[in-house]
Amino acid sequence: MTRGNQRETDRAKAQKKLAASKKTKESGASLQQRKERDAAVLREKQLKKEQDKAAAGGASGGQK
């Protein structure tokens, strides 16, 4: 019956670890800022890709 004590200590350890991980989550403001920053980066990548495509063969037409 010594296993019961180990379960309790493991549960306490898991709760402590869960509480520590919740503290490191982003706030709503920083999450919004990160989303805006990521969107800006994606727009830049898309623009660059379109420019490269136009420079490579703009006259060929991309539609089938």
N, C-alpha and C. Protein backbone atom coordinates (compact mmCIF):
# COMPACT_ATOMS: atom_id res chain seq x y z
N MET A 1 0.80 -1.20 0.00
CA MET A 1 0.00 0.00 0.00
C MET A 1 0.85 1.27 0.00
N THR A 2 2.11 1.15 -0.23
CA THR A 2 2.97 2.34 -0.26
C THR A 2 2.78 3.12 -1.54
N ARG A 3 2.14 2.52 -2.51
CA ARG A 3 1.95 3.18 -3.79
C ARG A 3 1.06 4.42 -3.67
N GLY A 4 0.13 4.44 -2.75
CA GLY A 4 -0.79 5.57 -2.58
C GLY A 4 -0.06 6.87 -2.30
N ASN A 5 0.97 6.83 -1.50
CA ASN A 5 1.74 8.03 -1.19
C ASN A 5 2.45 8.55 -2.43
N GLN A 6 2.97 7.66 -3.23
CA GLN A 6 3.67 8.05 -4.44
C GLN A 6 2.71 8.74 -5.41
N ARG A 7 1.49 8.23 -5.49
CA ARG A 7 0.50 8.85 -6.36
C ARG A 7 0.21 10.28 -5.93
N GLU A 8 0.07 10.46 -4.64
CA GLU A 8 -0.20 11.80 -4.12
C GLU A 8 0.95 12.77 -4.42
N THR A 9 2.17 12.31 -4.23
CA THR A 9 3.31 13.18 -4.51
C THR A 9 3.42 13.48 -6.00
N ASP A 10 3.11 12.49 -6.84
CA ASP A 10 3.13 12.71 -8.28
C ASP A 10 2.06 13.70 -8.71
N ARG A 11 0.88 13.61 -8.10
CA ARG A 11 -0.19 14.55 -8.42
C ARG A 11 0.20 15.97 -8.02
N ALA A 12 0.80 16.09 -6.84
CA ALA A 12 1.23 17.42 -6.38
C ALA A 12 2.29 17.99 -7.30
N LYS A 13 3.20 17.14 -7.73
CA LYS A 13 4.26 17.59 -8.64
C LYS A 13 3.67 18.02 -9.99
N ALA A 14 2.69 17.27 -10.49
CA ALA A 14 2.06 17.60 -11.76
C ALA A 14 1.29 18.91 -11.67
N GLN A 15 0.61 19.15 -10.55
CA GLN A 15 -0.11 20.40 -10.37
C GLN A 15 0.84 21.58 -10.31
N LYS A 16 1.96 21.40 -9.65
CA LYS A 16 2.96 22.47 -9.55
C LYS A 16 3.52 22.78 -10.93
N LYS A 17 3.79 21.75 -11.72
CA LYS A 17 4.32 21.94 -13.07
C LYS A 17 3.28 22.63 -13.96
N LEU A 18 2.01 22.27 -13.83
CA LEU A 18 0.95 22.88 -14.61
C LEU A 18 0.79 24.35 -14.26
N ALA A 19 0.88 24.66 -12.99
CA ALA A 19 0.77 26.05 -12.55
C ALA A 19 1.93 26.89 -13.09
N ALA A 20 3.11 26.32 -13.12
CA ALA A 20 4.27 27.03 -13.64
C ALA A 20 4.13 27.27 -15.14
N SER A 21 3.58 26.32 -15.87
CA SER A 21 3.43 26.48 -17.31
C SER A 21 2.35 27.51 -17.65
N LYS A 22 1.34 27.66 -16.81
CA LYS A 22 0.30 28.64 -17.06
C LYS A 22 0.83 30.05 -16.91
N LYS A 23 1.80 30.25 -16.07
CA LYS A 23 2.36 31.58 -15.85
C LYS A 23 3.10 32.09 -17.07
N THR A 24 3.66 31.18 -17.86
CA THR A 24 4.48 31.58 -19.00
C THR A 24 3.66 31.87 -20.25
N LYS A 25 2.35 31.68 -20.20
CA LYS A 25 1.53 31.93 -21.39
C LYS A 25 1.50 33.41 -21.69
N GLU A 26 1.24 33.72 -22.96
CA GLU A 26 1.24 35.10 -23.42
C GLU A 26 -0.04 35.82 -22.99
N SER A 27 0.08 37.09 -22.77
CA SER A 27 -1.09 37.89 -22.48
C SER A 27 -1.82 38.17 -23.79
N GLY A 28 -3.03 38.67 -23.69
CA GLY A 28 -3.82 38.94 -24.88
C GLY A 28 -3.17 39.99 -25.78
N ALA A 29 -2.55 41.00 -25.17
CA ALA A 29 -1.93 42.06 -25.95
C ALA A 29 -0.73 41.54 -26.73
N SER A 30 0.12 40.77 -26.08
CA SER A 30 1.30 40.28 -26.78
C SER A 30 0.91 39.25 -27.83
N LEU A 31 -0.15 38.51 -27.57
CA LEU A 31 -0.62 37.55 -28.57
C LEU A 31 -1.11 38.28 -29.81
N GLN A 32 -1.83 39.37 -29.61
CA GLN A 32 -2.31 40.18 -30.73
C GLN A 32 -1.15 40.77 -31.51
N GLN A 33 -0.15 41.27 -30.80
CA GLN A 33 1.03 41.84 -31.46
C GLN A 33 1.75 40.78 -32.28
N ARG A 34 1.88 39.57 -31.72
CA ARG A 34 2.56 38.50 -32.45
C ARG A 34 1.78 38.12 -33.71
N LYS A 35 0.44 38.09 -33.61
CA LYS A 35 -0.37 37.77 -34.78
C LYS A 35 -0.19 38.81 -35.87
N GLU A 36 -0.17 40.10 -35.46
CA GLU A 36 0.01 41.17 -36.45
C GLU A 36 1.39 41.09 -37.10
N ARG A 37 2.41 40.80 -36.30
CA ARG A 37 3.77 40.70 -36.82
C ARG A 37 3.88 39.53 -37.79
N ASP A 38 3.29 38.39 -37.43
CA ASP A 38 3.33 37.22 -38.32
C ASP A 38 2.59 37.50 -39.63
N ALA A 39 1.46 38.20 -39.53
CA ALA A 39 0.70 38.51 -40.74
C ALA A 39 1.50 39.42 -41.66
N ALA A 40 2.21 40.37 -41.08
CA ALA A 40 3.02 41.28 -41.89
C ALA A 40 4.14 40.52 -42.60
N VAL A 41 4.75 39.59 -41.92
CA VAL A 41 5.82 38.79 -42.52
C VAL A 41 5.26 37.96 -43.66
N LEU A 42 4.10 37.36 -43.46
CA LEU A 42 3.49 36.55 -44.52
C LEU A 42 3.13 37.40 -45.73
N ARG A 43 2.62 38.63 -45.49
CA ARG A 43 2.30 39.51 -46.62
C ARG A 43 3.57 39.85 -47.40
N GLU A 44 4.66 40.10 -46.70
CA GLU A 44 5.93 40.41 -47.38
C GLU A 44 6.40 39.23 -48.22
N LYS A 45 6.29 38.03 -47.66
CA LYS A 45 6.70 36.83 -48.41
C LYS A 45 5.84 36.65 -49.65
N GLN A 46 4.53 36.87 -49.51
CA GLN A 46 3.63 36.72 -50.64
C GLN A 46 3.95 37.74 -51.72
N LEU A 47 4.20 38.98 -51.33
CA LEU A 47 4.54 40.02 -52.29
C LEU A 47 5.83 39.69 -53.03
N LYS A 48 6.83 39.21 -52.30
CA LYS A 48 8.10 38.85 -52.91
C LYS A 48 7.91 37.70 -53.91
N LYS A 49 7.08 36.73 -53.52
CA LYS A 49 6.83 35.59 -54.40
C LYS A 49 6.13 36.03 -55.68
N GLU A 50 5.19 36.95 -55.55
CA GLU A 50 4.49 37.46 -56.73
C GLU A 50 5.45 38.24 -57.62
N GLN A 51 6.36 39.02 -57.03
CA GLN A 51 7.32 39.78 -57.81
C GLN A 51 8.28 38.85 -58.54
N ASP A 52 8.73 37.81 -57.87
CA ASP A 52 9.63 36.84 -58.51
C ASP A 52 8.92 36.13 -59.66
N LYS A 53 7.66 35.81 -59.44
CA LYS A 53 6.88 35.13 -60.48
C LYS A 53 6.69 36.04 -61.69
N ALA A 54 6.43 37.31 -61.43
CA ALA A 54 6.23 38.26 -62.52
C ALA A 54 7.54 38.50 -63.28
N ALA A 55 8.64 38.51 -62.57
CA ALA A 55 9.94 38.74 -63.22
C ALA A 55 10.37 37.53 -64.04
N ALA A 56 10.01 36.34 -63.58
CA ALA A 56 10.43 35.11 -64.26
C ALA A 56 9.67 34.90 -65.57
N GLY A 57 8.40 35.15 -65.57
CA GLY A 57 7.65 34.90 -66.80
C GLY A 57 6.29 35.55 -66.77
N GLY A 58 6.26 36.81 -66.66
CA GLY A 58 4.98 37.53 -66.58
C GLY A 58 4.14 37.39 -67.83
N ALA A 59 4.77 37.24 -68.98
CA ALA A 59 4.05 37.17 -70.23
C ALA A 59 3.44 35.79 -70.48
N SER A 60 3.91 34.77 -69.75
CA SER A 60 3.43 33.42 -70.02
C SER A 60 2.02 33.20 -69.53
N GLY A 61 1.56 33.98 -68.54
CA GLY A 61 0.20 33.82 -68.03
C GLY A 61 0.12 32.61 -67.12
N GLY A 62 -0.38 32.79 -65.94
CA GLY A 62 -0.40 31.71 -64.97
C GLY A 62 -1.68 30.89 -64.98
N GLN A 63 -2.68 31.25 -65.81
CA GLN A 63 -3.93 30.54 -65.81
C GLN A 63 -3.96 29.48 -66.90
N LYS A 64 -4.73 28.44 -66.62
CA LYS A 64 -4.86 27.34 -67.59
C LYS A 64 -6.18 27.37 -68.27
